[in-house]
Amino acid sequence: MNRKRMENILLVSVIAGVLGVTTFFTWPQYARAFDLSHDSELLEQKIGHLEDVEADLERRSEELTELQEQQAYACRLVPDRPDVADLMQHLSIGVDGETVLDQTFTVRGRGDRAGDARFEILPLVVELETTFDNIFDVIRRVERLERLVRVTSISMSCRDVDFKKTRPTVRAAIGMDVVYEDGQQEGQ
C-alpha cells in the first residue's frame, strides 16, 4: 500500500470514528439535553402556575376569613332551646335602690311557631324602673348577644316628679322575641 492510499484510509477511519462517536454518543446526549431543557421549561411554567395558584389560594383564604367574620357579625346563633335563665343573666342589672329600683323578667305565654315551623319564638318582657342610660344599656346588651333575640317593642314612661330629679328614673317595658330551633321538628 502506498502512502496516499494509507492516508485516505486513515482519513476515512478518522471521519468514520468521528461520525460514530457523534452518532452513538454526542447526538443522543444532545437530544437528551434538548428533551431535559424542554422538560425544565415545562416544570418552570408549572411552578409559575403553582405560585399563581398559591397566591390565589391565599387571597381566597383571606376572603373566606373575612366572609366568616361578616357572617358571624350579621348572623346570630339560633340555639335549640330558649335558655331564658342564661338570657336573664346576660341582661340583668343589679337593683341598687338608687339608679335601678326594679327589674322584672316575664315570659309571656309559650313559644309560637315561626313562619316555616322550624323555629319557635318565645315572647319575653323586661320591665325596669331605672335611668334611661341603664335602659339603653340593656338594649345594647341584647344587640351584642351571640344568639338571635329581637327587640320588638319599647315602652317608657316617667312621672313628672321623677323627671325633675337630676337622674330621673324611667319605667320601661322592653318586649323581645327569643328565637330558638324547635328540637322536636328534627325528629319528624
N, C-alpha and C. Protein backbone atom coordinates (compact mmCIF):
# COMPACT_ATOMS: atom_id res chain seq x y z
N MET A 1 0.82 -1.15 0.00
CA MET A 1 0.00 0.00 0.00
C MET A 1 0.87 1.22 0.00
N ASN A 2 0.44 2.06 -0.74
CA ASN A 2 1.24 3.27 -0.81
C ASN A 2 0.75 4.28 0.22
N ARG A 3 1.50 5.23 0.34
CA ARG A 3 1.28 6.22 1.37
C ARG A 3 0.00 7.01 1.16
N LYS A 4 -0.32 7.34 -0.02
CA LYS A 4 -1.51 8.12 -0.33
C LYS A 4 -2.76 7.32 0.04
N ARG A 5 -2.71 6.09 -0.31
CA ARG A 5 -3.85 5.25 -0.02
C ARG A 5 -3.99 5.05 1.49
N MET A 6 -2.89 4.92 2.17
CA MET A 6 -2.89 4.77 3.62
C MET A 6 -3.46 6.03 4.27
N GLU A 7 -3.11 7.18 3.76
CA GLU A 7 -3.64 8.43 4.29
C GLU A 7 -5.15 8.52 4.07
N ASN A 8 -5.60 8.09 2.92
CA ASN A 8 -7.03 8.10 2.62
C ASN A 8 -7.80 7.16 3.56
N ILE A 9 -7.21 5.96 3.77
CA ILE A 9 -7.87 5.01 4.67
C ILE A 9 -7.90 5.57 6.10
N LEU A 10 -6.80 6.16 6.50
CA LEU A 10 -6.73 6.75 7.84
C LEU A 10 -7.71 7.92 7.96
N LEU A 11 -7.81 8.75 6.93
CA LEU A 11 -8.73 9.88 6.94
C LEU A 11 -10.17 9.38 7.00
N VAL A 12 -10.49 8.35 6.21
CA VAL A 12 -11.83 7.78 6.22
C VAL A 12 -12.11 7.16 7.60
N SER A 13 -11.10 6.51 8.19
CA SER A 13 -11.27 5.91 9.52
C SER A 13 -11.52 6.97 10.58
N VAL A 14 -10.79 8.08 10.51
CA VAL A 14 -10.98 9.17 11.47
C VAL A 14 -12.38 9.77 11.29
N ILE A 15 -12.77 9.99 10.02
CA ILE A 15 -14.10 10.55 9.77
C ILE A 15 -15.17 9.56 10.25
N ALA A 16 -14.97 8.29 9.98
CA ALA A 16 -15.92 7.27 10.43
C ALA A 16 -15.95 7.23 11.96
N GLY A 17 -14.80 7.36 12.61
CA GLY A 17 -14.75 7.38 14.08
C GLY A 17 -15.47 8.59 14.65
N VAL A 18 -15.22 9.76 14.02
CA VAL A 18 -15.89 10.98 14.48
C VAL A 18 -17.39 10.85 14.28
N LEU A 19 -17.81 10.34 13.11
CA LEU A 19 -19.23 10.14 12.86
C LEU A 19 -19.82 9.11 13.82
N GLY A 20 -19.08 8.06 14.11
CA GLY A 20 -19.55 7.03 15.04
C GLY A 20 -19.71 7.59 16.45
N VAL A 21 -18.69 8.34 16.90
CA VAL A 21 -18.78 8.93 18.24
C VAL A 21 -19.94 9.92 18.28
N THR A 22 -20.06 10.73 17.21
CA THR A 22 -21.15 11.72 17.16
C THR A 22 -22.50 11.01 17.14
N THR A 23 -22.62 9.97 16.33
CA THR A 23 -23.89 9.27 16.19
C THR A 23 -24.26 8.52 17.46
N PHE A 24 -23.31 7.82 18.06
CA PHE A 24 -23.63 6.96 19.20
C PHE A 24 -23.52 7.64 20.57
N PHE A 25 -22.73 8.70 20.68
CA PHE A 25 -22.54 9.33 22.00
C PHE A 25 -23.01 10.78 22.04
N THR A 26 -22.52 11.60 21.15
CA THR A 26 -22.79 13.03 21.21
C THR A 26 -24.24 13.34 20.85
N TRP A 27 -24.75 12.82 19.77
CA TRP A 27 -26.11 13.13 19.33
C TRP A 27 -27.17 12.67 20.36
N PRO A 28 -27.07 11.44 20.88
CA PRO A 28 -28.06 11.05 21.90
C PRO A 28 -28.00 11.95 23.15
N GLN A 29 -26.78 12.33 23.53
CA GLN A 29 -26.66 13.22 24.69
C GLN A 29 -27.23 14.60 24.38
N TYR A 30 -27.02 15.06 23.16
CA TYR A 30 -27.58 16.35 22.75
C TYR A 30 -29.11 16.28 22.74
N ALA A 31 -29.66 15.19 22.20
CA ALA A 31 -31.12 15.02 22.15
C ALA A 31 -31.67 14.94 23.58
N ARG A 32 -30.95 14.20 24.44
CA ARG A 32 -31.40 14.09 25.84
C ARG A 32 -31.34 15.46 26.52
N ALA A 33 -30.29 16.22 26.28
CA ALA A 33 -30.18 17.56 26.86
C ALA A 33 -31.29 18.47 26.34
N PHE A 34 -31.64 18.34 25.07
CA PHE A 34 -32.73 19.13 24.50
C PHE A 34 -34.05 18.76 25.17
N ASP A 35 -34.30 17.45 25.33
CA ASP A 35 -35.53 17.00 26.00
C ASP A 35 -35.57 17.49 27.45
N LEU A 36 -34.45 17.38 28.14
CA LEU A 36 -34.40 17.85 29.53
C LEU A 36 -34.62 19.36 29.62
N SER A 37 -34.08 20.08 28.66
CA SER A 37 -34.29 21.54 28.63
C SER A 37 -35.77 21.85 28.42
N HIS A 38 -36.39 21.11 27.51
CA HIS A 38 -37.83 21.30 27.26
C HIS A 38 -38.65 20.94 28.52
N ASP A 39 -38.30 19.81 29.16
CA ASP A 39 -38.98 19.43 30.40
C ASP A 39 -38.77 20.47 31.49
N SER A 40 -37.57 21.03 31.55
CA SER A 40 -37.27 22.07 32.54
C SER A 40 -38.14 23.31 32.31
N GLU A 41 -38.33 23.68 31.06
CA GLU A 41 -39.20 24.82 30.75
C GLU A 41 -40.65 24.54 31.17
N LEU A 42 -41.11 23.31 30.89
CA LEU A 42 -42.47 22.94 31.30
C LEU A 42 -42.62 22.98 32.82
N LEU A 43 -41.61 22.46 33.54
CA LEU A 43 -41.67 22.49 35.00
C LEU A 43 -41.64 23.91 35.54
N GLU A 44 -40.84 24.77 34.91
CA GLU A 44 -40.81 26.18 35.34
C GLU A 44 -42.17 26.84 35.12
N GLN A 45 -42.84 26.49 34.01
CA GLN A 45 -44.18 27.02 33.78
C GLN A 45 -45.16 26.51 34.84
N LYS A 46 -45.04 25.21 35.17
CA LYS A 46 -45.92 24.65 36.20
C LYS A 46 -45.64 25.30 37.56
N ILE A 47 -44.37 25.53 37.87
CA ILE A 47 -44.03 26.19 39.13
C ILE A 47 -44.61 27.59 39.15
N GLY A 48 -44.48 28.30 38.03
CA GLY A 48 -45.08 29.63 37.95
C GLY A 48 -46.58 29.56 38.13
N HIS A 49 -47.20 28.53 37.53
CA HIS A 49 -48.64 28.35 37.68
C HIS A 49 -48.98 28.00 39.13
N LEU A 50 -48.17 27.16 39.76
CA LEU A 50 -48.40 26.81 41.17
C LEU A 50 -48.26 28.03 42.07
N GLU A 51 -47.29 28.89 41.76
CA GLU A 51 -47.14 30.11 42.54
C GLU A 51 -48.39 30.99 42.40
N ASP A 52 -48.92 31.05 41.17
CA ASP A 52 -50.17 31.80 40.96
C ASP A 52 -51.32 31.17 41.73
N VAL A 53 -51.38 29.83 41.70
CA VAL A 53 -52.44 29.12 42.41
C VAL A 53 -52.29 29.34 43.92
N GLU A 54 -51.05 29.29 44.42
CA GLU A 54 -50.82 29.52 45.85
C GLU A 54 -51.24 30.94 46.24
N ALA A 55 -50.89 31.91 45.41
CA ALA A 55 -51.29 33.30 45.69
C ALA A 55 -52.82 33.42 45.65
N ASP A 56 -53.44 32.75 44.68
CA ASP A 56 -54.90 32.78 44.59
C ASP A 56 -55.53 32.09 45.80
N LEU A 57 -54.94 30.98 46.22
CA LEU A 57 -55.44 30.27 47.40
C LEU A 57 -55.32 31.13 48.65
N GLU A 58 -54.21 31.81 48.79
CA GLU A 58 -54.01 32.69 49.95
C GLU A 58 -55.03 33.84 49.93
N ARG A 59 -55.24 34.42 48.74
CA ARG A 59 -56.21 35.50 48.61
C ARG A 59 -57.61 35.01 48.95
N ARG A 60 -57.97 33.84 48.44
CA ARG A 60 -59.30 33.29 48.71
C ARG A 60 -59.46 32.90 50.18
N SER A 61 -58.39 32.43 50.79
CA SER A 61 -58.45 32.10 52.23
C SER A 61 -58.71 33.36 53.04
N GLU A 62 -58.06 34.45 52.67
CA GLU A 62 -58.30 35.73 53.35
C GLU A 62 -59.75 36.19 53.13
N GLU A 63 -60.25 36.03 51.90
CA GLU A 63 -61.64 36.39 51.61
C GLU A 63 -62.60 35.53 52.43
N LEU A 64 -62.29 34.23 52.55
CA LEU A 64 -63.13 33.33 53.33
C LEU A 64 -63.15 33.76 54.80
N THR A 65 -61.99 34.09 55.34
CA THR A 65 -61.91 34.55 56.73
C THR A 65 -62.73 35.82 56.91
N GLU A 66 -62.61 36.73 55.95
CA GLU A 66 -63.38 37.98 56.02
C GLU A 66 -64.88 37.71 55.93
N LEU A 67 -65.28 36.81 55.04
CA LEU A 67 -66.70 36.46 54.91
C LEU A 67 -67.22 35.77 56.17
N GLN A 68 -66.38 34.93 56.78
CA GLN A 68 -66.79 34.28 58.02
C GLN A 68 -66.98 35.31 59.13
N GLU A 69 -66.11 36.31 59.17
CA GLU A 69 -66.26 37.38 60.17
C GLU A 69 -67.54 38.17 59.90
N GLN A 70 -67.81 38.47 58.62
CA GLN A 70 -69.04 39.18 58.28
C GLN A 70 -70.27 38.34 58.63
N GLN A 71 -70.19 37.04 58.37
CA GLN A 71 -71.30 36.15 58.69
C GLN A 71 -71.52 36.09 60.19
N ALA A 72 -70.42 36.01 60.95
CA ALA A 72 -70.55 35.98 62.41
C ALA A 72 -71.15 37.28 62.93
N TYR A 73 -70.82 38.40 62.27
CA TYR A 73 -71.36 39.70 62.68
C TYR A 73 -72.83 39.83 62.30
N ALA A 74 -73.17 39.37 61.10
CA ALA A 74 -74.52 39.57 60.58
C ALA A 74 -75.51 38.51 61.04
N CYS A 75 -75.03 37.31 61.25
CA CYS A 75 -75.93 36.21 61.60
C CYS A 75 -75.77 35.86 63.08
N ARG A 76 -76.85 35.56 63.68
CA ARG A 76 -76.84 35.20 65.09
C ARG A 76 -77.10 33.71 65.25
N LEU A 77 -76.60 33.17 66.32
CA LEU A 77 -76.81 31.77 66.65
C LEU A 77 -78.28 31.55 67.03
N VAL A 78 -78.85 30.47 66.54
CA VAL A 78 -80.20 30.09 66.93
C VAL A 78 -80.07 28.78 67.72
N PRO A 79 -80.18 28.86 69.06
CA PRO A 79 -80.00 27.65 69.87
C PRO A 79 -81.19 26.70 69.74
N ASP A 80 -81.03 25.50 70.28
CA ASP A 80 -82.10 24.51 70.19
C ASP A 80 -83.06 24.55 71.37
N ARG A 81 -82.87 25.49 72.29
CA ARG A 81 -83.79 25.67 73.41
C ARG A 81 -83.77 27.15 73.81
N PRO A 82 -84.81 27.64 74.46
CA PRO A 82 -84.87 29.07 74.76
C PRO A 82 -83.82 29.54 75.75
N ASP A 83 -83.48 28.75 76.76
CA ASP A 83 -82.47 29.08 77.77
C ASP A 83 -82.65 30.49 78.32
N VAL A 84 -83.85 30.75 78.82
CA VAL A 84 -84.21 32.07 79.33
C VAL A 84 -83.37 32.44 80.55
N ALA A 85 -82.99 31.46 81.36
CA ALA A 85 -82.19 31.75 82.56
C ALA A 85 -80.85 32.37 82.17
N ASP A 86 -80.20 31.82 81.17
CA ASP A 86 -78.92 32.38 80.71
C ASP A 86 -79.13 33.77 80.12
N LEU A 87 -80.20 33.93 79.37
CA LEU A 87 -80.52 35.23 78.79
C LEU A 87 -80.76 36.27 79.88
N MET A 88 -81.49 35.89 80.92
CA MET A 88 -81.74 36.81 82.03
C MET A 88 -80.44 37.19 82.72
N GLN A 89 -79.55 36.23 82.85
CA GLN A 89 -78.26 36.51 83.49
C GLN A 89 -77.46 37.53 82.68
N HIS A 90 -77.50 37.41 81.35
CA HIS A 90 -76.76 38.35 80.49
C HIS A 90 -77.38 39.75 80.50
N LEU A 91 -78.68 39.82 80.65
CA LEU A 91 -79.36 41.11 80.53
C LEU A 91 -79.62 41.81 81.86
N SER A 92 -79.53 41.09 82.95
CA SER A 92 -79.93 41.71 84.22
C SER A 92 -78.88 42.69 84.72
N ILE A 93 -79.39 43.73 85.38
CA ILE A 93 -78.54 44.72 86.03
C ILE A 93 -78.91 44.72 87.50
N GLY A 94 -77.95 44.98 88.34
CA GLY A 94 -78.19 44.88 89.78
C GLY A 94 -79.13 45.97 90.29
N VAL A 95 -80.10 45.57 91.09
CA VAL A 95 -81.02 46.53 91.71
C VAL A 95 -80.30 47.13 92.91
N ASP A 96 -80.05 48.45 92.85
CA ASP A 96 -79.29 49.10 93.92
C ASP A 96 -80.14 50.06 94.76
N GLY A 97 -81.39 50.29 94.40
CA GLY A 97 -82.26 51.16 95.17
C GLY A 97 -82.13 52.63 94.82
N GLU A 98 -81.11 53.01 94.06
CA GLU A 98 -80.94 54.42 93.66
C GLU A 98 -81.19 54.60 92.18
N THR A 99 -80.30 54.02 91.37
CA THR A 99 -80.47 54.18 89.92
C THR A 99 -81.29 53.05 89.32
N VAL A 100 -81.25 51.88 89.93
CA VAL A 100 -82.06 50.75 89.47
C VAL A 100 -83.00 50.39 90.62
N LEU A 101 -84.28 50.72 90.44
CA LEU A 101 -85.25 50.48 91.51
C LEU A 101 -85.94 49.13 91.39
N ASP A 102 -86.17 48.68 90.16
CA ASP A 102 -86.90 47.43 89.97
C ASP A 102 -86.52 46.83 88.63
N GLN A 103 -86.57 45.50 88.58
CA GLN A 103 -86.27 44.80 87.33
C GLN A 103 -87.02 43.47 87.36
N THR A 104 -87.81 43.22 86.30
CA THR A 104 -88.61 42.01 86.25
C THR A 104 -88.53 41.41 84.85
N PHE A 105 -88.31 40.11 84.77
CA PHE A 105 -88.33 39.38 83.50
C PHE A 105 -89.60 38.53 83.49
N THR A 106 -90.39 38.65 82.43
CA THR A 106 -91.64 37.91 82.34
C THR A 106 -91.73 37.23 80.98
N VAL A 107 -91.92 35.91 81.00
CA VAL A 107 -92.16 35.17 79.76
C VAL A 107 -93.66 35.20 79.52
N ARG A 108 -94.05 35.69 78.36
CA ARG A 108 -95.47 35.85 78.02
C ARG A 108 -95.93 34.64 77.20
N GLY A 109 -96.54 33.69 77.85
CA GLY A 109 -97.09 32.54 77.13
C GLY A 109 -96.04 31.52 76.78
N ARG A 110 -96.38 30.68 75.80
CA ARG A 110 -95.48 29.63 75.32
C ARG A 110 -94.92 30.03 73.98
N GLY A 111 -93.94 29.29 73.54
CA GLY A 111 -93.33 29.59 72.25
C GLY A 111 -94.29 29.42 71.10
N ASP A 112 -94.29 30.37 70.19
CA ASP A 112 -95.11 30.29 68.97
C ASP A 112 -94.21 29.88 67.82
N ARG A 113 -94.78 29.15 66.90
CA ARG A 113 -94.01 28.72 65.73
C ARG A 113 -93.81 29.90 64.78
N ALA A 114 -92.61 29.98 64.24
CA ALA A 114 -92.33 30.99 63.22
C ALA A 114 -92.91 30.50 61.90
N GLY A 115 -92.77 31.31 60.86
CA GLY A 115 -93.40 31.03 59.56
C GLY A 115 -93.12 29.65 59.00
N ASP A 116 -91.88 29.18 59.02
CA ASP A 116 -91.57 27.90 58.39
C ASP A 116 -91.67 26.73 59.37
N ALA A 117 -92.13 26.99 60.60
CA ALA A 117 -92.35 25.98 61.63
C ALA A 117 -91.07 25.28 62.07
N ARG A 118 -89.93 25.75 61.65
CA ARG A 118 -88.67 25.19 62.12
C ARG A 118 -88.22 25.86 63.41
N PHE A 119 -88.62 27.11 63.56
CA PHE A 119 -88.20 27.88 64.72
C PHE A 119 -89.40 28.24 65.58
N GLU A 120 -89.12 28.44 66.86
CA GLU A 120 -90.14 28.91 67.77
C GLU A 120 -89.70 30.25 68.34
N ILE A 121 -90.69 31.07 68.66
CA ILE A 121 -90.43 32.40 69.21
C ILE A 121 -91.09 32.48 70.58
N LEU A 122 -90.28 32.78 71.57
CA LEU A 122 -90.78 32.91 72.94
C LEU A 122 -90.79 34.38 73.31
N PRO A 123 -91.97 34.97 73.58
CA PRO A 123 -92.01 36.38 73.94
C PRO A 123 -91.52 36.59 75.38
N LEU A 124 -90.66 37.58 75.55
CA LEU A 124 -90.09 37.91 76.85
C LEU A 124 -90.21 39.41 77.04
N VAL A 125 -90.60 39.84 78.23
CA VAL A 125 -90.70 41.26 78.54
C VAL A 125 -89.80 41.55 79.73
N VAL A 126 -88.96 42.57 79.58
CA VAL A 126 -88.12 43.04 80.68
C VAL A 126 -88.71 44.36 81.14
N GLU A 127 -89.17 44.40 82.38
CA GLU A 127 -89.72 45.64 82.94
C GLU A 127 -88.69 46.21 83.91
N LEU A 128 -88.39 47.48 83.72
CA LEU A 128 -87.35 48.14 84.52
C LEU A 128 -87.87 49.46 85.07
N GLU A 129 -87.39 49.81 86.22
CA GLU A 129 -87.55 51.17 86.72
C GLU A 129 -86.14 51.63 87.06
N THR A 130 -85.58 52.41 86.16
CA THR A 130 -84.18 52.80 86.27
C THR A 130 -83.93 54.05 85.44
N THR A 131 -82.67 54.44 85.32
CA THR A 131 -82.33 55.60 84.49
C THR A 131 -82.38 55.22 83.02
N PHE A 132 -82.48 56.23 82.18
CA PHE A 132 -82.52 55.99 80.74
C PHE A 132 -81.24 55.30 80.27
N ASP A 133 -80.10 55.70 80.84
CA ASP A 133 -78.82 55.09 80.45
C ASP A 133 -78.83 53.58 80.69
N ASN A 134 -79.38 53.16 81.81
CA ASN A 134 -79.44 51.72 82.10
C ASN A 134 -80.39 51.00 81.15
N ILE A 135 -81.49 51.63 80.80
CA ILE A 135 -82.42 51.03 79.84
C ILE A 135 -81.74 50.87 78.49
N PHE A 136 -81.04 51.91 78.08
CA PHE A 136 -80.33 51.85 76.81
C PHE A 136 -79.23 50.79 76.86
N ASP A 137 -78.59 50.62 78.01
CA ASP A 137 -77.56 49.60 78.18
C ASP A 137 -78.15 48.19 78.01
N VAL A 138 -79.34 47.96 78.52
CA VAL A 138 -79.99 46.65 78.35
C VAL A 138 -80.24 46.39 76.86
N ILE A 139 -80.69 47.41 76.15
CA ILE A 139 -80.93 47.25 74.70
C ILE A 139 -79.62 46.95 73.98
N ARG A 140 -78.55 47.63 74.35
CA ARG A 140 -77.24 47.35 73.75
C ARG A 140 -76.79 45.93 74.06
N ARG A 141 -77.06 45.46 75.25
CA ARG A 141 -76.70 44.08 75.60
C ARG A 141 -77.43 43.08 74.72
N VAL A 142 -78.70 43.36 74.43
CA VAL A 142 -79.46 42.48 73.54
C VAL A 142 -78.80 42.47 72.16
N GLU A 143 -78.39 43.62 71.68
CA GLU A 143 -77.76 43.71 70.36
C GLU A 143 -76.42 42.98 70.32
N ARG A 144 -75.71 42.91 71.44
CA ARG A 144 -74.40 42.26 71.47
C ARG A 144 -74.47 40.76 71.71
N LEU A 145 -75.65 40.24 71.99
CA LEU A 145 -75.78 38.80 72.22
C LEU A 145 -75.39 38.02 70.98
N GLU A 146 -74.79 36.85 71.18
CA GLU A 146 -74.43 35.99 70.05
C GLU A 146 -75.64 35.24 69.50
N ARG A 147 -76.65 35.07 70.31
CA ARG A 147 -77.84 34.35 69.89
C ARG A 147 -78.87 35.34 69.33
N LEU A 148 -79.84 34.82 68.61
CA LEU A 148 -80.85 35.67 67.98
C LEU A 148 -81.95 36.02 68.97
N VAL A 149 -81.99 37.29 69.35
CA VAL A 149 -83.05 37.85 70.19
C VAL A 149 -83.42 39.18 69.55
N ARG A 150 -84.70 39.36 69.24
CA ARG A 150 -85.15 40.59 68.59
C ARG A 150 -85.90 41.46 69.59
N VAL A 151 -85.55 42.74 69.61
CA VAL A 151 -86.33 43.70 70.40
C VAL A 151 -87.55 44.06 69.56
N THR A 152 -88.73 43.80 70.10
CA THR A 152 -89.96 44.03 69.34
C THR A 152 -90.70 45.28 69.77
N SER A 153 -90.50 45.70 71.02
CA SER A 153 -91.20 46.91 71.48
C SER A 153 -90.45 47.52 72.66
N ILE A 154 -90.60 48.82 72.78
CA ILE A 154 -90.06 49.56 73.92
C ILE A 154 -91.12 50.56 74.34
N SER A 155 -91.50 50.49 75.60
CA SER A 155 -92.48 51.42 76.13
C SER A 155 -91.86 52.06 77.37
N MET A 156 -91.85 53.41 77.40
CA MET A 156 -91.25 54.12 78.53
C MET A 156 -92.21 55.18 79.04
N SER A 157 -92.16 55.39 80.35
CA SER A 157 -92.95 56.46 80.95
C SER A 157 -92.19 56.98 82.17
N CYS A 158 -92.47 58.24 82.48
CA CYS A 158 -91.80 58.87 83.61
C CYS A 158 -92.78 59.81 84.29
N ARG A 159 -92.84 59.77 85.60
CA ARG A 159 -93.70 60.69 86.33
C ARG A 159 -93.02 62.06 86.37
N ASP A 160 -93.80 63.10 86.38
CA ASP A 160 -93.24 64.46 86.40
C ASP A 160 -92.35 64.68 87.62
N VAL A 161 -92.72 64.13 88.74
CA VAL A 161 -91.93 64.30 89.97
C VAL A 161 -90.55 63.67 89.78
N ASP A 162 -90.52 62.47 89.18
CA ASP A 162 -89.25 61.79 88.96
C ASP A 162 -88.41 62.51 87.91
N PHE A 163 -89.07 63.10 86.92
CA PHE A 163 -88.35 63.73 85.82
C PHE A 163 -87.58 64.97 86.28
N LYS A 164 -88.02 65.60 87.35
CA LYS A 164 -87.36 66.82 87.82
C LYS A 164 -86.10 66.52 88.62
N LYS A 165 -85.85 65.27 88.94
CA LYS A 165 -84.62 64.89 89.65
C LYS A 165 -83.43 65.04 88.71
N THR A 166 -82.22 65.07 89.28
CA THR A 166 -81.03 65.18 88.43
C THR A 166 -80.82 63.90 87.62
N ARG A 167 -81.14 62.77 88.21
CA ARG A 167 -81.07 61.50 87.48
C ARG A 167 -82.43 60.84 87.57
N PRO A 168 -83.36 61.25 86.72
CA PRO A 168 -84.72 60.72 86.83
C PRO A 168 -84.77 59.23 86.48
N THR A 169 -85.67 58.53 87.14
CA THR A 169 -85.89 57.13 86.80
C THR A 169 -87.06 57.03 85.83
N VAL A 170 -86.96 56.07 84.96
CA VAL A 170 -87.96 55.87 83.92
C VAL A 170 -88.48 54.44 84.06
N ARG A 171 -89.78 54.28 83.88
CA ARG A 171 -90.36 52.94 83.84
C ARG A 171 -90.35 52.50 82.38
N ALA A 172 -89.80 51.32 82.14
CA ALA A 172 -89.71 50.84 80.77
C ALA A 172 -90.12 49.38 80.71
N ALA A 173 -90.72 49.03 79.59
CA ALA A 173 -91.03 47.63 79.28
C ALA A 173 -90.43 47.34 77.91
N ILE A 174 -89.48 46.44 77.87
CA ILE A 174 -88.81 46.09 76.61
C ILE A 174 -89.30 44.71 76.20
N GLY A 175 -90.02 44.65 75.09
CA GLY A 175 -90.52 43.38 74.57
C GLY A 175 -89.50 42.76 73.64
N MET A 176 -89.30 41.46 73.78
CA MET A 176 -88.31 40.75 72.96
C MET A 176 -88.88 39.43 72.48
N ASP A 177 -88.37 39.00 71.34
CA ASP A 177 -88.66 37.66 70.84
C ASP A 177 -87.39 36.84 70.98
N VAL A 178 -87.45 35.78 71.76
CA VAL A 178 -86.33 34.86 71.92
C VAL A 178 -86.54 33.75 70.90
N VAL A 179 -85.67 33.68 69.91
CA VAL A 179 -85.82 32.71 68.82
C VAL A 179 -84.96 31.49 69.11
N TYR A 180 -85.56 30.31 68.95
CA TYR A 180 -84.81 29.07 69.11
C TYR A 180 -85.35 28.03 68.15
N GLU A 181 -84.51 27.04 67.85
CA GLU A 181 -84.89 25.99 66.91
C GLU A 181 -85.71 24.94 67.63
N ASP A 182 -86.77 24.51 66.99
CA ASP A 182 -87.65 23.51 67.58
C ASP A 182 -86.96 22.15 67.51
N GLY A 183 -86.58 21.61 68.65
CA GLY A 183 -85.89 20.32 68.70
C GLY A 183 -86.76 19.17 68.27
N GLN A 184 -88.08 19.25 68.43
CA GLN A 184 -88.99 18.17 68.04
C GLN A 184 -89.13 18.08 66.53
N GLN A 185 -88.91 19.17 65.84
CA GLN A 185 -89.06 19.21 64.38
C GLN A 185 -88.03 18.31 63.71
N GLU A 186 -86.81 18.22 64.30
CA GLU A 186 -85.74 17.42 63.69
C GLU A 186 -86.10 15.95 63.64
N GLY A 187 -86.80 15.46 64.67
CA GLY A 187 -87.13 14.04 64.73
C GLY A 187 -88.24 13.63 63.80
N GLN A 188 -88.99 14.56 63.26
CA GLN A 188 -90.13 14.23 62.41
C GLN A 188 -89.71 14.01 60.99
